[in-house]
Amino acid sequence: MEAREGRLVEAFVAMADSLVDDYDVVEFAQQLVDDCVSLLDVDAAGLLLGDPRGGLQVLASTSEQTRLLELLQVQSDAGPCLQAYGSGRQVLVADLRVDTDRWPEFAARAGSEGFRAVFAIPMRLRAERIGALNLFCTESRKISGPDLLVAQALADVATIGILHKRVLVHGAMVNAQLQAALNTRIIIEQAKGVLAERGGLNMDQAFTELRTQARNTGQHLSDTARAIIEAASEISSTANDSFP
């Protein structure tokens, strides 16, 4: 218990340290889902962020499996994350094999990936909702009260971090910030593809390599991703120019 409390304090301190003028929203969200798996009795996590048009897009996930499950919710417009986002309330499903009527496609896909329980936590600040956090378990069970409190607290702090006090009163600036984060995620996915093809890696390994490069160079994840894409584009252009 003491060890977990210490890690929990470290996680909140790290998140608080990120609340500065210049921080990487995508890396911030990725750290949130990683912390959830580390601190809570769950096996995977993902985060969906609302876009200016009222839809949801995937911002972070702990694996390619969970990223695809989050994408499925967006594409089918159904799933626990969408319900949590729309209602502003937690959606807790202890056994997806029993509770299949609400989102049959999502329940079937999650089951095929080995997940049996899912808990969706709204990301909210007062009446403002910006997304939802999904927690997955490979066993059918309820989430404990303490874990649920921690999960909501992490989601609430992350919401403040993403919105940030300096833009709370400027709706247009909030939308621009959120759209920029979503655009950054697209660039990161492209860079993952480049690294995967170049190094013979799967997508999870490629993302780990991308984060490692960013940390080693002291760059934002988005800047490292852009550099990788630009370098790949230059190599491709040079190769094309060499053939008449």
C-alpha atoms as a PDB file:
ATOM      1  CA  MET A   1       0.000   0.000   0.000  1.00  0.00           C
ATOM      2  CA  GLU A   2       2.793   2.448   0.940  1.00  0.00           C
ATOM      3  CA  ALA A   3       4.616   1.688  -2.308  1.00  0.00           C
ATOM      4  CA  ARG A   4       1.501   2.477  -4.335  1.00  0.00           C
ATOM      5  CA  GLU A   5       0.879   5.678  -2.402  1.00  0.00           C
ATOM      6  CA  GLY A   6       4.412   6.769  -3.192  1.00  0.00           C
ATOM      7  CA  ARG A   7       3.969   6.057  -6.900  1.00  0.00           C
ATOM      8  CA  LEU A   8       0.624   7.849  -6.843  1.00  0.00           C
ATOM      9  CA  VAL A   9       2.191  10.956  -5.345  1.00  0.00           C
ATOM     10  CA  GLU A  10       4.943  10.806  -7.972  1.00  0.00           C
ATOM     11  CA  ALA A  11       2.346  10.543 -10.747  1.00  0.00           C
ATOM     12  CA  PHE A  12       0.415  13.597  -9.543  1.00  0.00           C
ATOM     13  CA  VAL A  13       3.624  15.586  -9.057  1.00  0.00           C
ATOM     14  CA  ALA A  14       4.727  14.711 -12.587  1.00  0.00           C
ATOM     15  CA  MET A  15       1.357  15.775 -13.977  1.00  0.00           C
ATOM     16  CA  ALA A  16       1.487  19.030 -12.029  1.00  0.00           C
ATOM     17  CA  ASP A  17       4.983  19.694 -13.387  1.00  0.00           C
ATOM     18  CA  SER A  18       3.534  19.428 -16.885  1.00  0.00           C
ATOM     19  CA  LEU A  19       1.180  22.356 -16.326  1.00  0.00           C
ATOM     20  CA  VAL A  20       3.455  24.931 -17.893  1.00  0.00           C
ATOM     21  CA  ASP A  21       3.136  27.115 -20.969  1.00  0.00           C
ATOM     22  CA  ASP A  22       5.106  24.741 -23.188  1.00  0.00           C
ATOM     23  CA  TYR A  23       4.185  21.100 -22.714  1.00  0.00           C
ATOM     24  CA  ASP A  24       3.392  18.232 -25.036  1.00  0.00           C
ATOM     25  CA  VAL A  25      -0.316  17.353 -24.749  1.00  0.00           C
ATOM     26  CA  VAL A  26       0.105  13.979 -26.443  1.00  0.00           C
ATOM     27  CA  GLU A  27       2.975  12.914 -24.190  1.00  0.00           C
ATOM     28  CA  PHE A  28       0.978  14.202 -21.214  1.00  0.00           C
ATOM     29  CA  ALA A  29      -1.977  12.004 -22.214  1.00  0.00           C
ATOM     30  CA  GLN A  30       0.291   9.025 -22.882  1.00  0.00           C
ATOM     31  CA  GLN A  31       1.773   9.344 -19.409  1.00  0.00           C
ATOM     32  CA  LEU A  32      -1.752   9.370 -17.988  1.00  0.00           C
ATOM     33  CA  VAL A  33      -2.717   6.030 -19.552  1.00  0.00           C
ATOM     34  CA  ASP A  34       0.650   4.523 -18.599  1.00  0.00           C
ATOM     35  CA  ASP A  35       0.133   5.682 -15.002  1.00  0.00           C
ATOM     36  CA  CYS A  36      -3.327   4.117 -14.934  1.00  0.00           C
ATOM     37  CA  VAL A  37      -1.917   0.692 -15.783  1.00  0.00           C
ATOM     38  CA  SER A  38       0.916   1.139 -13.318  1.00  0.00           C
ATOM     39  CA  LEU A  39      -1.182   2.427 -10.419  1.00  0.00           C
ATOM     40  CA  LEU A  40      -4.513   0.666 -10.846  1.00  0.00           C
ATOM     41  CA  ASP A  41      -5.533  -2.963 -11.018  1.00  0.00           C
ATOM     42  CA  VAL A  42      -6.185  -2.780 -14.779  1.00  0.00           C
ATOM     43  CA  ASP A  43      -4.390  -4.262 -17.773  1.00  0.00           C
ATOM     44  CA  ALA A  44      -4.700  -1.558 -20.421  1.00  0.00           C
ATOM     45  CA  ALA A  45      -5.962   1.967 -20.939  1.00  0.00           C
ATOM     46  CA  GLY A  46      -6.895   4.386 -23.698  1.00  0.00           C
ATOM     47  CA  LEU A  47      -7.969   7.999 -23.983  1.00  0.00           C
ATOM     48  CA  LEU A  48     -10.430   9.614 -26.367  1.00  0.00           C
ATOM     49  CA  LEU A  49     -10.417  13.387 -26.759  1.00  0.00           C
ATOM     50  CA  GLY A  50     -13.282  15.506 -28.075  1.00  0.00           C
ATOM     51  CA  ASP A  51     -12.635  17.524 -31.221  1.00  0.00           C
ATOM     52  CA  PRO A  52     -14.097  20.965 -32.049  1.00  0.00           C
ATOM     53  CA  ARG A  53     -16.838  19.333 -34.151  1.00  0.00           C
ATOM     54  CA  GLY A  54     -18.180  17.363 -31.196  1.00  0.00           C
ATOM     55  CA  GLY A  55     -16.695  14.010 -32.186  1.00  0.00           C
ATOM     56  CA  LEU A  56     -14.055  11.942 -30.443  1.00  0.00           C
ATOM     57  CA  GLN A  57     -10.588  10.906 -31.562  1.00  0.00           C
ATOM     58  CA  VAL A  58      -7.923   8.643 -30.066  1.00  0.00           C
ATOM     59  CA  LEU A  59      -5.204  10.611 -28.280  1.00  0.00           C
ATOM     60  CA  ALA A  60      -3.355   7.924 -26.284  1.00  0.00           C
ATOM     61  CA  SER A  61      -3.361   4.179 -25.591  1.00  0.00           C
ATOM     62  CA  THR A  62      -1.133   1.662 -23.849  1.00  0.00           C
ATOM     63  CA  SER A  63      -1.084  -0.762 -26.787  1.00  0.00           C
ATOM     64  CA  GLU A  64      -2.082  -1.128 -30.410  1.00  0.00           C
ATOM     65  CA  GLN A  65      -4.934  -3.395 -29.240  1.00  0.00           C
ATOM     66  CA  THR A  66      -6.485  -0.672 -27.120  1.00  0.00           C
ATOM     67  CA  ARG A  67      -5.910   1.973 -29.793  1.00  0.00           C
ATOM     68  CA  LEU A  68      -7.910  -0.115 -32.274  1.00  0.00           C
ATOM     69  CA  LEU A  69     -10.655  -0.694 -29.694  1.00  0.00           C
ATOM     70  CA  GLU A  70     -10.902   3.054 -29.156  1.00  0.00           C
ATOM     71  CA  LEU A  71     -11.028   3.626 -32.917  1.00  0.00           C
ATOM     72  CA  LEU A  72     -13.835   1.075 -33.182  1.00  0.00           C
ATOM     73  CA  GLN A  73     -15.901   3.079 -30.695  1.00  0.00           C
ATOM     74  CA  VAL A  74     -15.396   6.251 -32.712  1.00  0.00           C
ATOM     75  CA  GLN A  75     -16.182   4.596 -36.042  1.00  0.00           C
ATOM     76  CA  SER A  76     -19.275   2.779 -34.770  1.00  0.00           C
ATOM     77  CA  ASP A  77     -20.365   5.741 -32.613  1.00  0.00           C
ATOM     78  CA  ALA A  78     -20.972   3.337 -29.737  1.00  0.00           C
ATOM     79  CA  GLY A  79     -19.067   2.180 -26.688  1.00  0.00           C
ATOM     80  CA  PRO A  80     -18.413   2.914 -23.026  1.00  0.00           C
ATOM     81  CA  CYS A  81     -16.109   5.860 -23.709  1.00  0.00           C
ATOM     82  CA  LEU A  82     -18.698   7.565 -25.884  1.00  0.00           C
ATOM     83  CA  GLN A  83     -21.350   7.008 -23.243  1.00  0.00           C
ATOM     84  CA  ALA A  84     -19.112   8.414 -20.492  1.00  0.00           C
ATOM     85  CA  TYR A  85     -18.243  11.412 -22.656  1.00  0.00           C
ATOM     86  CA  GLY A  86     -21.854  12.078 -23.586  1.00  0.00           C
ATOM     87  CA  SER A  87     -23.289  11.681 -20.097  1.00  0.00           C
ATOM     88  CA  GLY A  88     -20.405  12.944 -17.980  1.00  0.00           C
ATOM     89  CA  ARG A  89     -20.834   9.841 -15.798  1.00  0.00           C
ATOM     90  CA  GLN A  90     -18.694   6.790 -15.184  1.00  0.00           C
ATOM     91  CA  VAL A  91     -19.631   3.664 -17.153  1.00  0.00           C
ATOM     92  CA  LEU A  92     -18.619   0.476 -15.334  1.00  0.00           C
ATOM     93  CA  VAL A  93     -18.996  -2.927 -16.980  1.00  0.00           C
ATOM     94  CA  ALA A  94     -17.749  -5.850 -14.882  1.00  0.00           C
ATOM     95  CA  ASP A  95     -18.400  -8.519 -17.527  1.00  0.00           C
ATOM     96  CA  LEU A  96     -18.667  -7.735 -21.234  1.00  0.00           C
ATOM     97  CA  ARG A  97     -19.800 -11.305 -21.946  1.00  0.00           C
ATOM     98  CA  VAL A  98     -22.973 -10.669 -19.944  1.00  0.00           C
ATOM     99  CA  ASP A  99     -23.588  -7.003 -20.775  1.00  0.00           C
ATOM    100  CA  THR A 100     -23.473  -7.199 -24.593  1.00  0.00           C
ATOM    101  CA  ASP A 101     -26.687  -5.445 -25.596  1.00  0.00           C
ATOM    102  CA  ARG A 102     -25.474  -1.863 -25.275  1.00  0.00           C
ATOM    103  CA  TRP A 103     -22.526  -2.137 -27.698  1.00  0.00           C
ATOM    104  CA  PRO A 104     -22.523  -5.585 -29.343  1.00  0.00           C
ATOM    105  CA  GLU A 105     -19.747  -4.805 -31.840  1.00  0.00           C
ATOM    106  CA  PHE A 106     -17.466  -3.329 -29.198  1.00  0.00           C
ATOM    107  CA  ALA A 107     -18.164  -6.168 -26.744  1.00  0.00           C
ATOM    108  CA  ALA A 108     -17.363  -8.786 -29.383  1.00  0.00           C
ATOM    109  CA  ARG A 109     -14.136  -7.066 -30.462  1.00  0.00           C
ATOM    110  CA  ALA A 110     -12.981  -6.483 -26.878  1.00  0.00           C
ATOM    111  CA  GLY A 111     -13.673 -10.126 -26.085  1.00  0.00           C
ATOM    112  CA  SER A 112     -11.664 -11.278 -29.085  1.00  0.00           C
ATOM    113  CA  GLU A 113      -8.742  -9.214 -27.801  1.00  0.00           C
ATOM    114  CA  GLY A 114      -8.993 -10.901 -24.399  1.00  0.00           C
ATOM    115  CA  PHE A 115     -10.659  -8.113 -22.438  1.00  0.00           C
ATOM    116  CA  ARG A 116     -13.551  -9.021 -20.139  1.00  0.00           C
ATOM    117  CA  ALA A 117     -14.265  -5.805 -18.206  1.00  0.00           C
ATOM    118  CA  VAL A 118     -14.157  -2.114 -19.079  1.00  0.00           C
ATOM    119  CA  PHE A 119     -14.502   1.067 -17.045  1.00  0.00           C
ATOM    120  CA  ALA A 120     -14.959   4.433 -18.771  1.00  0.00           C
ATOM    121  CA  ILE A 121     -14.117   7.587 -16.816  1.00  0.00           C
ATOM    122  CA  PRO A 122     -15.320  10.991 -18.070  1.00  0.00           C
ATOM    123  CA  MET A 123     -12.766  13.772 -18.405  1.00  0.00           C
ATOM    124  CA  ARG A 124     -14.641  16.767 -17.110  1.00  0.00           C
ATOM    125  CA  LEU A 125     -14.278  20.120 -15.408  1.00  0.00           C
ATOM    126  CA  ARG A 126     -17.551  21.371 -13.976  1.00  0.00           C
ATOM    127  CA  ALA A 127     -19.933  21.346 -16.963  1.00  0.00           C
ATOM    128  CA  GLU A 128     -17.096  21.049 -19.496  1.00  0.00           C
ATOM    129  CA  ARG A 129     -16.400  17.584 -20.919  1.00  0.00           C
ATOM    130  CA  ILE A 130     -13.400  17.054 -23.176  1.00  0.00           C
ATOM    131  CA  GLY A 131     -13.085  13.276 -23.490  1.00  0.00           C
ATOM    132  CA  ALA A 132     -13.032   9.988 -21.642  1.00  0.00           C
ATOM    133  CA  LEU A 133     -10.539   7.520 -20.211  1.00  0.00           C
ATOM    134  CA  ASN A 134     -11.048   3.790 -20.842  1.00  0.00           C
ATOM    135  CA  LEU A 135      -9.649   1.133 -18.487  1.00  0.00           C
ATOM    136  CA  PHE A 136      -9.580  -2.513 -19.587  1.00  0.00           C
ATOM    137  CA  CYS A 137      -9.241  -5.744 -17.600  1.00  0.00           C
ATOM    138  CA  THR A 138      -8.582  -9.247 -18.897  1.00  0.00           C
ATOM    139  CA  GLU A 139     -10.702 -10.749 -16.113  1.00  0.00           C
ATOM    140  CA  SER A 140     -14.379 -10.184 -15.364  1.00  0.00           C
ATOM    141  CA  ARG A 141     -14.608  -8.166 -12.154  1.00  0.00           C
ATOM    142  CA  LYS A 142     -15.658  -4.888 -10.617  1.00  0.00           C
ATOM    143  CA  ILE A 143     -13.206  -2.056 -10.141  1.00  0.00           C
ATOM    144  CA  SER A 144     -12.488  -1.331  -6.488  1.00  0.00           C
ATOM    145  CA  GLY A 145     -13.694   1.862  -4.834  1.00  0.00           C
ATOM    146  CA  PRO A 146     -10.171   3.201  -4.191  1.00  0.00           C
ATOM    147  CA  ASP A 147      -9.098   2.471  -7.780  1.00  0.00           C
ATOM    148  CA  LEU A 148     -12.171   4.256  -9.103  1.00  0.00           C
ATOM    149  CA  LEU A 149     -11.423   7.318  -6.990  1.00  0.00           C
ATOM    150  CA  VAL A 150      -7.813   7.380  -8.200  1.00  0.00           C
ATOM    151  CA  ALA A 151      -8.868   6.928 -11.832  1.00  0.00           C
ATOM    152  CA  GLN A 152     -11.315   9.847 -11.650  1.00  0.00           C
ATOM    153  CA  ALA A 153      -8.755  12.007  -9.872  1.00  0.00           C
ATOM    154  CA  LEU A 154      -6.154  11.301 -12.576  1.00  0.00           C
ATOM    155  CA  ALA A 155      -8.717  12.060 -15.280  1.00  0.00           C
ATOM    156  CA  ASP A 156      -9.723  15.311 -13.548  1.00  0.00           C
ATOM    157  CA  VAL A 157      -6.126  16.507 -13.208  1.00  0.00           C
ATOM    158  CA  ALA A 158      -5.449  15.597 -16.822  1.00  0.00           C
ATOM    159  CA  THR A 159      -8.517  17.559 -17.902  1.00  0.00           C
ATOM    160  CA  ILE A 160      -7.192  20.647 -16.158  1.00  0.00           C
ATOM    161  CA  GLY A 161      -3.804  20.052 -17.744  1.00  0.00           C
ATOM    162  CA  ILE A 162      -5.243  19.813 -21.251  1.00  0.00           C
ATOM    163  CA  LEU A 163      -7.619  22.761 -20.935  1.00  0.00           C
ATOM    164  CA  HIS A 164      -5.226  24.865 -18.886  1.00  0.00           C
ATOM    165  CA  LYS A 165      -6.335  27.878 -16.872  1.00  0.00           C
ATOM    166  CA  ARG A 166      -5.108  30.422 -19.362  1.00  0.00           C
ATOM    167  CA  VAL A 167      -7.540  29.230 -22.054  1.00  0.00           C
ATOM    168  CA  LEU A 168     -10.582  28.262 -20.000  1.00  0.00           C
ATOM    169  CA  VAL A 169     -12.309  31.575 -20.723  1.00  0.00           C
ATOM    170  CA  HIS A 170     -11.509  31.547 -24.445  1.00  0.00           C
ATOM    171  CA  GLY A 171     -13.530  28.876 -26.233  1.00  0.00           C
ATOM    172  CA  ALA A 172     -11.840  29.406 -29.580  1.00  0.00           C
ATOM    173  CA  MET A 173      -8.418  28.963 -28.016  1.00  0.00           C
ATOM    174  CA  VAL A 174      -9.565  25.769 -26.275  1.00  0.00           C
ATOM    175  CA  ASN A 175     -10.786  24.342 -29.571  1.00  0.00           C
ATOM    176  CA  ALA A 176      -7.544  25.305 -31.291  1.00  0.00           C
ATOM    177  CA  GLN A 177      -5.476  23.632 -28.573  1.00  0.00           C
ATOM    178  CA  LEU A 178      -7.509  20.431 -28.699  1.00  0.00           C
ATOM    179  CA  GLN A 179      -7.408  20.315 -32.509  1.00  0.00           C
ATOM    180  CA  ALA A 180      -3.645  20.850 -32.440  1.00  0.00           C
ATOM    181  CA  ALA A 181      -3.278  17.879 -30.090  1.00  0.00           C
ATOM    182  CA  LEU A 182      -5.368  15.698 -32.380  1.00  0.00           C
ATOM    183  CA  ASN A 183      -3.376  16.785 -35.437  1.00  0.00           C
ATOM    184  CA  THR A 184      -0.197  15.947 -33.562  1.00  0.00           C
ATOM    185  CA  ARG A 185      -1.479  12.429 -32.948  1.00  0.00           C
ATOM    186  CA  ILE A 186      -1.806  11.912 -36.720  1.00  0.00           C
ATOM    187  CA  ILE A 187       1.818  12.947 -37.195  1.00  0.00           C
ATOM    188  CA  ILE A 188       2.882  10.530 -34.458  1.00  0.00           C
ATOM    189  CA  GLU A 189       1.018   7.646 -36.124  1.00  0.00           C
ATOM    190  CA  GLN A 190       2.805   8.455 -39.392  1.00  0.00           C
ATOM    191  CA  ALA A 191       6.185   8.473 -37.647  1.00  0.00           C
ATOM    192  CA  LYS A 192       5.374   5.139 -36.001  1.00  0.00           C
ATOM    193  CA  GLY A 193       4.752   3.728 -39.456  1.00  0.00           C
ATOM    194  CA  VAL A 194       8.109   4.994 -40.700  1.00  0.00           C
ATOM    195  CA  LEU A 195       9.970   3.497 -37.732  1.00  0.00           C
ATOM    196  CA  ALA A 196       8.063   0.221 -38.020  1.00  0.00           C
ATOM    197  CA  GLU A 197       8.914  -0.163 -41.701  1.00  0.00           C
ATOM    198  CA  ARG A 198      12.508   0.938 -41.272  1.00  0.00           C
ATOM    199  CA  GLY A 199      13.283  -1.234 -38.255  1.00  0.00           C
ATOM    200  CA  GLY A 200      10.995  -4.208 -38.817  1.00  0.00           C
ATOM    201  CA  LEU A 201       9.055  -3.302 -35.659  1.00  0.00           C
ATOM    202  CA  ASN A 202       5.435  -3.700 -34.673  1.00  0.00           C
ATOM    203  CA  MET A 203       3.479  -0.547 -33.874  1.00  0.00           C
ATOM    204  CA  ASP A 204       3.921  -0.826 -30.105  1.00  0.00           C
ATOM    205  CA  GLN A 205       7.689  -1.214 -30.498  1.00  0.00           C
ATOM    206  CA  ALA A 206       7.782   1.687 -32.948  1.00  0.00           C
ATOM    207  CA  PHE A 207       6.006   3.947 -30.449  1.00  0.00           C
ATOM    208  CA  THR A 208       8.439   2.941 -27.703  1.00  0.00           C
ATOM    209  CA  GLU A 209      11.331   3.795 -30.024  1.00  0.00           C
ATOM    210  CA  LEU A 210       9.735   7.163 -30.862  1.00  0.00           C
ATOM    211  CA  ARG A 211       9.321   8.072 -27.178  1.00  0.00           C
ATOM    212  CA  THR A 212      12.876   6.967 -26.446  1.00  0.00           C
ATOM    213  CA  GLN A 213      14.263   9.177 -29.202  1.00  0.00           C
ATOM    214  CA  ALA A 214      12.234  12.150 -27.937  1.00  0.00           C
ATOM    215  CA  ARG A 215      13.458  11.715 -24.373  1.00  0.00           C
ATOM    216  CA  ASN A 216      17.082  11.188 -25.415  1.00  0.00           C
ATOM    217  CA  THR A 217      17.086  14.396 -27.456  1.00  0.00           C
ATOM    218  CA  GLY A 218      14.973  16.424 -25.010  1.00  0.00           C
ATOM    219  CA  GLN A 219      12.384  17.139 -27.704  1.00  0.00           C
ATOM    220  CA  HIS A 220       8.622  17.035 -27.669  1.00  0.00           C
ATOM    221  CA  LEU A 221       7.169  13.828 -29.029  1.00  0.00           C
ATOM    222  CA  SER A 222       5.540  15.781 -31.849  1.00  0.00           C
ATOM    223  CA  ASP A 223       8.831  17.456 -32.864  1.00  0.00           C
ATOM    224  CA  THR A 224      10.646  14.121 -32.966  1.00  0.00           C
ATOM    225  CA  ALA A 225       7.836  12.630 -35.048  1.00  0.00           C
ATOM    226  CA  ARG A 226       7.994  15.515 -37.540  1.00  0.00           C
ATOM    227  CA  ALA A 227      11.772  15.142 -37.826  1.00  0.00           C
ATOM    228  CA  ILE A 228      11.423  11.433 -38.593  1.00  0.00           C
ATOM    229  CA  ILE A 229       8.767  12.074 -41.255  1.00  0.00           C
ATOM    230  CA  GLU A 230      10.817  14.870 -42.836  1.00  0.00           C
ATOM    231  CA  ALA A 231      13.948  12.698 -42.900  1.00  0.00           C
ATOM    232  CA  ALA A 232      12.003   9.848 -44.508  1.00  0.00           C
ATOM    233  CA  SER A 233      10.553  12.261 -47.068  1.00  0.00           C
ATOM    234  CA  GLU A 234      14.016  13.575 -47.953  1.00  0.00           C
ATOM    235  CA  ILE A 235      15.364  10.038 -48.392  1.00  0.00           C
ATOM    236  CA  SER A 236      12.407   9.165 -50.621  1.00  0.00           C
ATOM    237  CA  SER A 237      12.852  12.331 -52.677  1.00  0.00           C
ATOM    238  CA  THR A 238      16.581  11.695 -53.123  1.00  0.00           C
ATOM    239  CA  ALA A 239      15.921   8.134 -54.208  1.00  0.00           C
ATOM    240  CA  ASN A 240      13.335   9.272 -56.749  1.00  0.00           C
ATOM    241  CA  ASP A 241      15.684  11.937 -58.145  1.00  0.00           C
ATOM    242  CA  SER A 242      18.386   9.333 -58.730  1.00  0.00           C
ATOM    243  CA  PHE A 243      16.177   7.517 -61.230  1.00  0.00           C
ATOM    244  CA  PRO A 244      15.355   9.370 -64.464  1.00  0.00           C
END
